[in-house]
PDB file of N, CA and C in Angstrom:
ATOM      1  N   HIS A   1     -33.653  24.403  12.907  1.00  0.00           N
ATOM      2  CA  HIS A   1     -32.420  24.306  12.146  1.00  0.00           C
ATOM      3  C   HIS A   1     -31.339  25.155  12.805  1.00  0.00           C
ATOM      4  N   VAL A   2     -30.124  24.713  12.632  1.00  0.00           N
ATOM      5  CA  VAL A   2     -28.975  25.542  12.988  1.00  0.00           C
ATOM      6  C   VAL A   2     -28.259  25.820  11.662  1.00  0.00           C
ATOM      7  N   VAL A   3     -27.822  27.056  11.485  1.00  0.00           N
ATOM      8  CA  VAL A   3     -27.209  27.455  10.223  1.00  0.00           C
ATOM      9  C   VAL A   3     -25.708  27.660  10.433  1.00  0.00           C
ATOM     10  N   ALA A   4     -24.932  26.995   9.596  1.00  0.00           N
ATOM     11  CA  ALA A   4     -23.480  27.162   9.611  1.00  0.00           C
ATOM     12  C   ALA A   4     -23.112  28.098   8.465  1.00  0.00           C
ATOM     13  N   ARG A   5     -22.431  29.173   8.791  1.00  0.00           N
ATOM     14  CA  ARG A   5     -21.942  30.119   7.787  1.00  0.00           C
ATOM     15  C   ARG A   5     -20.426  30.107   7.864  1.00  0.00           C
ATOM     16  N   PHE A   6     -19.785  29.966   6.717  1.00  0.00           N
ATOM     17  CA  PHE A   6     -18.325  29.881   6.718  1.00  0.00           C
ATOM     18  C   PHE A   6     -17.776  30.334   5.374  1.00  0.00           C
ATOM     19  N   SER A   7     -16.504  30.708   5.384  1.00  0.00           N
ATOM     20  CA  SER A   7     -15.823  31.140   4.167  1.00  0.00           C
ATOM     21  C   SER A   7     -14.633  30.234   3.920  1.00  0.00           C
ATOM     22  N   LEU A   8     -14.378  29.975   2.651  1.00  0.00           N
ATOM     23  CA  LEU A   8     -13.240  29.170   2.246  1.00  0.00           C
ATOM     24  C   LEU A   8     -12.339  30.003   1.346  1.00  0.00           C
ATOM     25  N   ALA A   9     -11.047  29.891   1.559  1.00  0.00           N
ATOM     26  CA  ALA A   9     -10.089  30.617   0.730  1.00  0.00           C
ATOM     27  C   ALA A   9      -9.860  29.898  -0.597  1.00  0.00           C
ATOM     28  N   ALA A  10     -10.069  28.584  -0.594  1.00  0.00           N
ATOM     29  CA  ALA A  10      -9.857  27.775  -1.799  1.00  0.00           C
ATOM     30  C   ALA A  10     -10.851  26.617  -1.771  1.00  0.00           C
ATOM     31  N   GLU A  11     -10.948  25.890  -2.854  1.00  0.00           N
ATOM     32  CA  GLU A  11     -11.833  24.725  -2.908  1.00  0.00           C
ATOM     33  C   GLU A  11     -11.408  23.701  -1.854  1.00  0.00           C
ATOM     34  N   GLU A  12     -12.386  23.195  -1.082  1.00  0.00           N
ATOM     35  CA  GLU A  12     -12.098  22.244  -0.005  1.00  0.00           C
ATOM     36  C   GLU A  12     -13.228  21.230   0.105  1.00  0.00           C
ATOM     37  N   LEU A  13     -12.920  20.084   0.672  1.00  0.00           N
ATOM     38  CA  LEU A  13     -13.916  19.088   1.033  1.00  0.00           C
ATOM     39  C   LEU A  13     -14.414  19.456   2.423  1.00  0.00           C
ATOM     40  N   VAL A  14     -15.735  19.676   2.573  1.00  0.00           N
ATOM     41  CA  VAL A  14     -16.313  20.186   3.822  1.00  0.00           C
ATOM     42  C   VAL A  14     -17.292  19.163   4.403  1.00  0.00           C
ATOM     43  N   THR A  15     -17.201  18.965   5.722  1.00  0.00           N
ATOM     44  CA  THR A  15     -18.148  18.132   6.457  1.00  0.00           C
ATOM     45  C   THR A  15     -18.571  18.895   7.707  1.00  0.00           C
ATOM     46  N   LEU A  16     -19.868  18.888   8.005  1.00  0.00           N
ATOM     47  CA  LEU A  16     -20.396  19.530   9.208  1.00  0.00           C
ATOM     48  C   LEU A  16     -20.967  18.450  10.120  1.00  0.00           C
ATOM     49  N   GLU A  17     -20.747  18.598  11.429  1.00  0.00           N
ATOM     50  CA  GLU A  17     -21.252  17.631  12.404  1.00  0.00           C
ATOM     51  C   GLU A  17     -21.823  18.356  13.611  1.00  0.00           C
ATOM     52  N   VAL A  18     -22.892  17.797  14.164  1.00  0.00           N
ATOM     53  CA  VAL A  18     -23.416  18.240  15.452  1.00  0.00           C
ATOM     54  C   VAL A  18     -23.080  17.138  16.443  1.00  0.00           C
ATOM     55  N   ILE A  19     -22.401  17.528  17.521  1.00  0.00           N
ATOM     56  CA  ILE A  19     -21.936  16.570  18.514  1.00  0.00           C
ATOM     57  C   ILE A  19     -22.554  16.924  19.857  1.00  0.00           C
ATOM     58  N   GLY A  20     -23.047  15.901  20.558  1.00  0.00           N
ATOM     59  CA  GLY A  20     -23.645  16.089  21.874  1.00  0.00           C
ATOM     60  C   GLY A  20     -22.583  16.234  22.947  1.00  0.00           C
ATOM     61  N   MET A  21     -23.010  16.569  24.161  1.00  0.00           N
ATOM     62  CA  MET A  21     -22.081  16.805  25.264  1.00  0.00           C
ATOM     63  C   MET A  21     -21.329  15.546  25.690  1.00  0.00           C
ATOM     64  N   ARG A  22     -21.848  14.370  25.352  1.00  0.00           N
ATOM     65  CA  ARG A  22     -21.154  13.125  25.679  1.00  0.00           C
ATOM     66  C   ARG A  22     -20.250  12.662  24.536  1.00  0.00           C
ATOM     67  N   GLY A  23     -20.118  13.507  23.506  1.00  0.00           N
ATOM     68  CA  GLY A  23     -19.235  13.193  22.405  1.00  0.00           C
ATOM     69  C   GLY A  23     -19.869  12.402  21.279  1.00  0.00           C
ATOM     70  N   GLU A  24     -21.165  12.157  21.369  1.00  0.00           N
ATOM     71  CA  GLU A  24     -21.834  11.376  20.334  1.00  0.00           C
ATOM     72  C   GLU A  24     -22.131  12.241  19.112  1.00  0.00           C
ATOM     73  N   ARG A  25     -21.892  11.689  17.933  1.00  0.00           N
ATOM     74  CA  ARG A  25     -22.177  12.375  16.676  1.00  0.00           C
ATOM     75  C   ARG A  25     -23.665  12.202  16.392  1.00  0.00           C
ATOM     76  N   LEU A  26     -24.404  13.299  16.345  1.00  0.00           N
ATOM     77  CA  LEU A  26     -25.861  13.253  16.220  1.00  0.00           C
ATOM     78  C   LEU A  26     -26.351  13.592  14.819  1.00  0.00           C
ATOM     79  N   VAL A  27     -25.689  14.513  14.159  1.00  0.00           N
ATOM     80  CA  VAL A  27     -26.045  14.932  12.796  1.00  0.00           C
ATOM     81  C   VAL A  27     -24.739  15.090  12.037  1.00  0.00           C
ATOM     82  N   ARG A  28     -24.711  14.585  10.807  1.00  0.00           N
ATOM     83  CA  ARG A  28     -23.512  14.754   9.982  1.00  0.00           C
ATOM     84  C   ARG A  28     -23.935  14.941   8.532  1.00  0.00           C
ATOM     85  N   THR A  29     -23.327  15.925   7.879  1.00  0.00           N
ATOM     86  CA  THR A  29     -23.593  16.112   6.458  1.00  0.00           C
ATOM     87  C   THR A  29     -22.669  15.205   5.658  1.00  0.00           C
ATOM     88  N   ALA A  30     -23.077  14.877   4.455  1.00  0.00           N
ATOM     89  CA  ALA A  30     -22.201  14.142   3.553  1.00  0.00           C
ATOM     90  C   ALA A  30     -21.048  15.066   3.163  1.00  0.00           C
ATOM     91  N   PRO A  31     -19.847  14.535   3.015  1.00  0.00           N
ATOM     92  CA  PRO A  31     -18.738  15.386   2.562  1.00  0.00           C
ATOM     93  C   PRO A  31     -19.087  16.041   1.223  1.00  0.00           C
ATOM     94  N   GLU A  32     -18.774  17.319   1.125  1.00  0.00           N
ATOM     95  CA  GLU A  32     -19.148  18.097  -0.057  1.00  0.00           C
ATOM     96  C   GLU A  32     -17.981  18.987  -0.467  1.00  0.00           C
ATOM     97  N   THR A  33     -17.611  18.959  -1.719  1.00  0.00           N
ATOM     98  CA  THR A  33     -16.555  19.833  -2.212  1.00  0.00           C
ATOM     99  C   THR A  33     -17.163  21.180  -2.570  1.00  0.00           C
ATOM    100  N   LEU A  34     -16.645  22.225  -1.921  1.00  0.00           N
ATOM    101  CA  LEU A  34     -17.149  23.583  -2.134  1.00  0.00           C
ATOM    102  C   LEU A  34     -16.018  24.474  -2.606  1.00  0.00           C
ATOM    103  N   GLY A  35     -16.348  25.445  -3.430  1.00  0.00           N
ATOM    104  CA  GLY A  35     -15.365  26.379  -3.952  1.00  0.00           C
ATOM    105  C   GLY A  35     -15.066  27.505  -2.984  1.00  0.00           C
ATOM    106  N   ALA A  36     -14.095  28.303  -3.335  1.00  0.00           N
ATOM    107  CA  ALA A  36     -13.731  29.469  -2.529  1.00  0.00           C
ATOM    108  C   ALA A  36     -14.929  30.407  -2.427  1.00  0.00           C
ATOM    109  N   GLY A  37     -15.042  31.070  -1.280  1.00  0.00           N
ATOM    110  CA  GLY A  37     -16.128  32.024  -1.072  1.00  0.00           C
ATOM    111  C   GLY A  37     -16.891  31.723   0.193  1.00  0.00           C
ATOM    112  N   THR A  38     -18.002  32.408   0.362  1.00  0.00           N
ATOM    113  CA  THR A  38     -18.837  32.271   1.549  1.00  0.00           C
ATOM    114  C   THR A  38     -19.952  31.267   1.279  1.00  0.00           C
ATOM    115  N   HIS A  39     -20.199  30.416   2.267  1.00  0.00           N
ATOM    116  CA  HIS A  39     -21.206  29.366   2.137  1.00  0.00           C
ATOM    117  C   HIS A  39     -22.091  29.343   3.378  1.00  0.00           C
ATOM    118  N   GLU A  40     -23.262  28.769   3.211  1.00  0.00           N
ATOM    119  CA  GLU A  40     -24.228  28.649   4.307  1.00  0.00           C
ATOM    120  C   GLU A  40     -24.927  27.304   4.159  1.00  0.00           C
ATOM    121  N   ARG A  41     -24.994  26.544   5.247  1.00  0.00           N
ATOM    122  CA  ARG A  41     -25.677  25.253   5.230  1.00  0.00           C
ATOM    123  C   ARG A  41     -26.546  25.158   6.471  1.00  0.00           C
ATOM    124  N   ALA A  42     -27.785  24.682   6.301  1.00  0.00           N
ATOM    125  CA  ALA A  42     -28.699  24.482   7.424  1.00  0.00           C
ATOM    126  C   ALA A  42     -28.686  23.005   7.812  1.00  0.00           C
ATOM    127  N   LEU A  43     -28.599  22.733   9.095  1.00  0.00           N
ATOM    128  CA  LEU A  43     -28.647  21.369   9.606  1.00  0.00           C
ATOM    129  C   LEU A  43     -29.924  21.211  10.416  1.00  0.00           C
ATOM    130  N   ASP A  44     -30.631  20.131  10.188  1.00  0.00           N
ATOM    131  CA  ASP A  44     -31.885  19.866  10.888  1.00  0.00           C
ATOM    132  C   ASP A  44     -31.582  19.290  12.260  1.00  0.00           C
ATOM    133  N   VAL A  45     -31.863  20.074  13.292  1.00  0.00           N
ATOM    134  CA  VAL A  45     -31.647  19.629  14.674  1.00  0.00           C
ATOM    135  C   VAL A  45     -32.980  19.554  15.424  1.00  0.00           C
ATOM    136  N   GLY A  46     -34.080  19.513  14.675  1.00  0.00           N
ATOM    137  CA  GLY A  46     -35.409  19.506  15.277  1.00  0.00           C
ATOM    138  C   GLY A  46     -35.674  18.319  16.179  1.00  0.00           C
ATOM    139  N   GLY A  47     -35.007  17.203  15.963  1.00  0.00           N
ATOM    140  CA  GLY A  47     -35.227  16.017  16.771  1.00  0.00           C
ATOM    141  C   GLY A  47     -34.374  15.950  18.019  1.00  0.00           C
ATOM    142  N   LEU A  48     -33.528  16.944  18.241  1.00  0.00           N
ATOM    143  CA  LEU A  48     -32.639  16.920  19.403  1.00  0.00           C
ATOM    144  C   LEU A  48     -33.305  17.544  20.622  1.00  0.00           C
ATOM    145  N   ALA A  49     -32.968  17.018  21.780  1.00  0.00           N
ATOM    146  CA  ALA A  49     -33.493  17.532  23.047  1.00  0.00           C
ATOM    147  C   ALA A  49     -32.846  18.873  23.378  1.00  0.00           C
ATOM    148  N   ALA A  50     -33.461  19.598  24.298  1.00  0.00           N
ATOM    149  CA  ALA A  50     -32.872  20.842  24.787  1.00  0.00           C
ATOM    150  C   ALA A  50     -31.504  20.518  25.381  1.00  0.00           C
ATOM    151  N   GLY A  51     -30.540  21.392  25.144  1.00  0.00           N
ATOM    152  CA  GLY A  51     -29.206  21.168  25.679  1.00  0.00           C
ATOM    153  C   GLY A  51     -28.153  21.950  24.933  1.00  0.00           C
ATOM    154  N   ILE A  52     -26.903  21.671  25.274  1.00  0.00           N
ATOM    155  CA  ILE A  52     -25.760  22.333  24.662  1.00  0.00           C
ATOM    156  C   ILE A  52     -25.125  21.355  23.683  1.00  0.00           C
ATOM    157  N   TYR A  53     -24.834  21.847  22.488  1.00  0.00           N
ATOM    158  CA  TYR A  53     -24.266  21.021  21.430  1.00  0.00           C
ATOM    159  C   TYR A  53     -23.079  21.736  20.806  1.00  0.00           C
ATOM    160  N   THR A  54     -22.293  20.987  20.077  1.00  0.00           N
ATOM    161  CA  THR A  54     -21.142  21.529  19.366  1.00  0.00           C
ATOM    162  C   THR A  54     -21.341  21.319  17.873  1.00  0.00           C
ATOM    163  N   LEU A  55     -21.134  22.374  17.103  1.00  0.00           N
ATOM    164  CA  LEU A  55     -21.137  22.284  15.649  1.00  0.00           C
ATOM    165  C   LEU A  55     -19.674  22.302  15.214  1.00  0.00           C
ATOM    166  N   THR A  56     -19.248  21.243  14.546  1.00  0.00           N
ATOM    167  CA  THR A  56     -17.871  21.138  14.070  1.00  0.00           C
ATOM    168  C   THR A  56     -17.878  21.199  12.552  1.00  0.00           C
ATOM    169  N   ALA A  57     -17.087  22.106  12.001  1.00  0.00           N
ATOM    170  CA  ALA A  57     -16.941  22.236  10.549  1.00  0.00           C
ATOM    171  C   ALA A  57     -15.518  21.849  10.195  1.00  0.00           C
ATOM    172  N   ARG A  58     -15.381  20.871   9.302  1.00  0.00           N
ATOM    173  CA  ARG A  58     -14.070  20.434   8.827  1.00  0.00           C
ATOM    174  C   ARG A  58     -13.955  20.784   7.348  1.00  0.00           C
ATOM    175  N   ALA A  59     -12.885  21.505   7.016  1.00  0.00           N
ATOM    176  CA  ALA A  59     -12.618  21.883   5.623  1.00  0.00           C
ATOM    177  C   ALA A  59     -11.139  21.641   5.377  1.00  0.00           C
ATOM    178  N   GLY A  60     -10.825  20.587   4.634  1.00  0.00           N
ATOM    179  CA  GLY A  60      -9.423  20.231   4.450  1.00  0.00           C
ATOM    180  C   GLY A  60      -8.819  19.891   5.802  1.00  0.00           C
ATOM    181  N   ASP A  61      -7.713  20.525   6.152  1.00  0.00           N
ATOM    182  CA  ASP A  61      -7.048  20.298   7.437  1.00  0.00           C
ATOM    183  C   ASP A  61      -7.566  21.203   8.548  1.00  0.00           C
ATOM    184  N   ALA A  62      -8.428  22.153   8.213  1.00  0.00           N
ATOM    185  CA  ALA A  62      -8.932  23.116   9.196  1.00  0.00           C
ATOM    186  C   ALA A  62     -10.187  22.578   9.884  1.00  0.00           C
ATOM    187  N   VAL A  63     -10.286  22.868  11.186  1.00  0.00           N
ATOM    188  CA  VAL A  63     -11.454  22.478  11.972  1.00  0.00           C
ATOM    189  C   VAL A  63     -11.910  23.695  12.760  1.00  0.00           C
ATOM    190  N   ARG A  64     -13.189  24.017  12.657  1.00  0.00           N
ATOM    191  CA  ARG A  64     -13.781  25.117  13.431  1.00  0.00           C
ATOM    192  C   ARG A  64     -14.868  24.534  14.320  1.00  0.00           C
ATOM    193  N   VAL A  65     -14.931  24.994  15.557  1.00  0.00           N
ATOM    194  CA  VAL A  65     -15.904  24.477  16.521  1.00  0.00           C
ATOM    195  C   VAL A  65     -16.699  25.641  17.089  1.00  0.00           C
ATOM    196  N   ARG A  66     -18.009  25.450  17.162  1.00  0.00           N
ATOM    197  CA  ARG A  66     -18.895  26.471  17.740  1.00  0.00           C
ATOM    198  C   ARG A  66     -19.931  25.757  18.597  1.00  0.00           C
ATOM    199  N   ARG A  67     -20.179  26.265  19.770  1.00  0.00           N
ATOM    200  CA  ARG A  67     -21.215  25.691  20.637  1.00  0.00           C
ATOM    201  C   ARG A  67     -22.510  26.442  20.435  1.00  0.00           C
ATOM    202  N   PHE A  68     -23.616  25.730  20.587  1.00  0.00           N
ATOM    203  CA  PHE A  68     -24.923  26.372  20.514  1.00  0.00           C
ATOM    204  C   PHE A  68     -25.868  25.666  21.476  1.00  0.00           C
ATOM    205  N   VAL A  69     -26.946  26.354  21.809  1.00  0.00           N
ATOM    206  CA  VAL A  69     -27.913  25.843  22.784  1.00  0.00           C
ATOM    207  C   VAL A  69     -29.258  25.685  22.109  1.00  0.00           C
ATOM    208  N   ILE A  70     -29.909  24.570  22.398  1.00  0.00           N
ATOM    209  CA  ILE A  70     -31.284  24.357  21.964  1.00  0.00           C
ATOM    210  C   ILE A  70     -32.163  24.481  23.202  1.00  0.00           C
ATOM    211  N   THR A  71     -33.153  25.349  23.121  1.00  0.00           N
ATOM    212  CA  THR A  71     -34.125  25.493  24.206  1.00  0.00           C
ATOM    213  C   THR A  71     -35.488  25.085  23.683  1.00  0.00           C
ATOM    214  N   ARG A  72     -36.288  24.551  24.527  1.00  0.00           N
ATOM    215  CA  ARG A  72     -37.633  24.133  24.143  1.00  0.00           C
ATOM    216  C   ARG A  72     -38.646  24.824  25.005  1.00  0.00           C
TER     217      ARG A  72
END
């Protein structure tokens, strides 16, 4: 699993995505409305090959991007 930790200043619609190096969307959460505060969501990446991936978090108009590596 990869864990996304994030804080929201106000209630927002949040979607998390794992994107491969070729731009393919590999994992996506259903859009979820979350309240203000700190949140944590685990995404199952167990089926992905070793490599570099991007975790994209969208909350309202804001987008945060973080890269992570899977090693086997």
